[in-house]
Amino acid sequence: MEELGYSESRMLFYANGEVSQEVWDVLLYQYLSGNAISDRRLLMKAHGESDYDTKQMLHEKYYGETSQMLLNHIEEFLASLDKLSTKAYDRYRELDDHPRLPLILKHNEFVKQSFLAVRQMYFGY
């Protein structure tokens, strides 16, 4: 992420199911770093020169791999979120001890729905 000059605040999944271009760029960079160093150099050159066509060509070439990485992230995150929410529901009876719990659960549900929307948009389920 830092190599591309991005911050965490630009790694976005939108509620409508879209994923920011920065997420795709980081996924591509991560994949290329372990599998195709020459294409990683090409990506970095294209990124530095704002060469959209070359970046797009690389995204298309490796879409299968980066989309699988995205799906893995979604599935792992949803499982983690479900586990945390279940733990929170188990403690919901102790609201006096956890006054922010309803807000946390609402936030978790919003995040979950955003991730589900991304999964639906890109993977159809």
Protein backbone atom coordinates (compact mmCIF):
# COMPACT_ATOMS: atom_id res chain seq x y z
CA MET A 1 0.00 0.00 0.00
CA GLU A 2 2.76 2.40 0.93
CA GLU A 3 4.70 1.49 -2.22
CA LEU A 4 1.74 2.77 -4.25
CA GLY A 5 1.38 5.87 -2.09
CA TYR A 6 -2.02 4.87 -0.69
CA SER A 7 -3.31 5.17 2.85
CA GLU A 8 -5.74 2.88 4.63
CA SER A 9 -8.42 5.54 4.30
CA ARG A 10 -8.53 4.84 0.55
CA MET A 11 -9.10 1.09 0.94
CA LEU A 12 -12.86 1.24 0.55
CA PHE A 13 -15.75 -1.14 0.04
CA TYR A 14 -18.85 0.88 -0.73
CA ALA A 15 -22.35 0.03 0.50
CA ASN A 16 -23.49 -0.32 -3.13
CA GLY A 17 -21.00 -3.16 -3.63
CA GLU A 18 -18.26 -1.33 -5.48
CA VAL A 19 -14.61 -1.55 -4.49
CA SER A 20 -12.23 1.40 -4.78
CA GLN A 21 -9.58 1.33 -7.49
CA GLU A 22 -6.97 1.53 -4.77
CA VAL A 23 -8.10 -1.85 -3.38
CA TRP A 24 -7.68 -3.45 -6.80
CA ASP A 25 -4.26 -1.81 -7.20
CA VAL A 26 -3.07 -3.11 -3.83
CA LEU A 27 -4.37 -6.62 -4.56
CA LEU A 28 -2.56 -6.60 -7.90
CA TYR A 29 0.64 -5.32 -6.30
CA GLN A 30 0.46 -8.02 -3.60
CA TYR A 31 -0.10 -10.76 -6.15
CA LEU A 32 2.68 -9.58 -8.44
CA SER A 33 5.11 -9.24 -5.52
CA GLY A 34 5.02 -12.97 -4.96
CA ASN A 35 4.48 -14.23 -8.48
CA ALA A 36 5.56 -11.90 -11.28
CA ILE A 37 8.26 -9.45 -10.23
CA SER A 38 8.79 -8.08 -13.75
CA ASP A 39 5.09 -7.23 -14.02
CA ARG A 40 5.24 -5.66 -10.55
CA ARG A 41 7.98 -3.35 -11.83
CA LEU A 42 5.81 -2.58 -14.86
CA LEU A 43 2.87 -1.80 -12.54
CA MET A 44 4.98 0.55 -10.44
CA LYS A 45 6.29 2.34 -13.53
CA ALA A 46 2.78 2.68 -14.95
CA HIS A 47 1.47 3.88 -11.59
CA GLY A 48 4.21 6.46 -11.24
CA GLU A 49 3.63 7.75 -14.78
CA SER A 50 -0.19 7.67 -14.52
CA ASP A 51 -0.23 5.19 -17.41
CA TYR A 52 -3.83 4.01 -17.11
CA ASP A 53 -3.68 1.73 -20.16
CA THR A 54 -0.77 -0.33 -18.85
CA LYS A 55 -2.32 -0.59 -15.38
CA GLN A 56 -5.61 -1.67 -16.93
CA MET A 57 -3.84 -4.31 -19.05
CA LEU A 58 -2.22 -5.73 -15.91
CA HIS A 59 -5.51 -5.69 -14.02
CA GLU A 60 -7.18 -7.61 -16.83
CA LYS A 61 -4.28 -10.08 -17.12
CA TYR A 62 -4.41 -10.95 -13.43
CA TYR A 63 -8.11 -10.42 -12.70
CA GLY A 64 -8.66 -14.09 -11.86
CA GLU A 65 -5.95 -14.04 -9.24
CA THR A 66 -6.80 -10.67 -7.70
CA SER A 67 -10.53 -11.38 -7.64
CA GLN A 68 -9.80 -14.64 -5.77
CA MET A 69 -7.74 -12.65 -3.28
CA LEU A 70 -10.68 -10.26 -2.85
CA LEU A 71 -13.10 -13.13 -2.31
CA ASN A 72 -10.78 -14.74 0.26
CA HIS A 73 -10.57 -11.43 2.13
CA ILE A 74 -14.35 -11.04 2.08
CA GLU A 75 -14.98 -14.58 3.33
CA GLU A 76 -12.37 -14.34 6.10
CA PHE A 77 -13.62 -10.95 7.21
CA LEU A 78 -17.28 -12.05 7.25
CA ALA A 79 -16.38 -15.10 9.34
CA SER A 80 -14.45 -12.93 11.78
CA LEU A 81 -17.25 -10.39 11.96
CA ASP A 82 -19.85 -13.11 12.63
CA LYS A 83 -17.68 -14.51 15.41
CA LEU A 84 -17.30 -11.08 17.01
CA SER A 85 -21.01 -10.31 16.70
CA THR A 86 -21.96 -13.65 18.24
CA LYS A 87 -19.63 -12.96 21.13
CA ALA A 88 -21.20 -9.52 21.54
CA TYR A 89 -24.75 -10.93 21.46
CA ASP A 90 -23.77 -13.39 24.18
CA ARG A 91 -22.84 -10.41 26.34
CA TYR A 92 -25.84 -8.28 25.38
CA ARG A 93 -27.54 -9.24 28.63
CA GLU A 94 -24.86 -7.23 30.40
CA LEU A 95 -25.79 -3.92 28.78
CA ASP A 96 -24.93 -1.99 31.92
CA ASP A 97 -21.35 -3.28 31.57
CA HIS A 98 -21.28 -2.60 27.80
CA PRO A 99 -23.37 0.53 27.10
CA ARG A 100 -21.95 0.93 23.58
CA LEU A 101 -22.72 -2.64 22.57
CA PRO A 102 -25.90 -1.79 20.60
CA LEU A 103 -23.95 0.78 18.57
CA ILE A 104 -21.13 -1.68 17.95
CA LEU A 105 -23.60 -4.33 16.79
CA LYS A 106 -25.26 -1.84 14.45
CA HIS A 107 -21.87 -0.92 13.01
CA ASN A 108 -20.95 -4.59 12.57
CA GLU A 109 -24.19 -5.17 10.69
CA PHE A 110 -23.53 -2.19 8.40
CA VAL A 111 -20.03 -3.45 7.64
CA LYS A 112 -21.35 -6.96 7.06
CA GLN A 113 -23.97 -5.69 4.61
CA SER A 114 -21.28 -3.72 2.74
CA PHE A 115 -19.09 -6.81 2.40
CA LEU A 116 -22.08 -8.90 1.31
CA ALA A 117 -22.90 -6.27 -1.32
CA VAL A 118 -19.33 -6.48 -2.66
CA ARG A 119 -19.51 -10.27 -2.77
CA GLN A 120 -22.84 -10.09 -4.58
CA MET A 121 -21.59 -7.54 -7.12
CA TYR A 122 -18.38 -9.33 -8.05
CA PHE A 123 -19.18 -12.97 -7.35
CA GLY A 124 -22.97 -13.24 -7.67
CA TYR A 125 -23.78 -14.60 -4.22
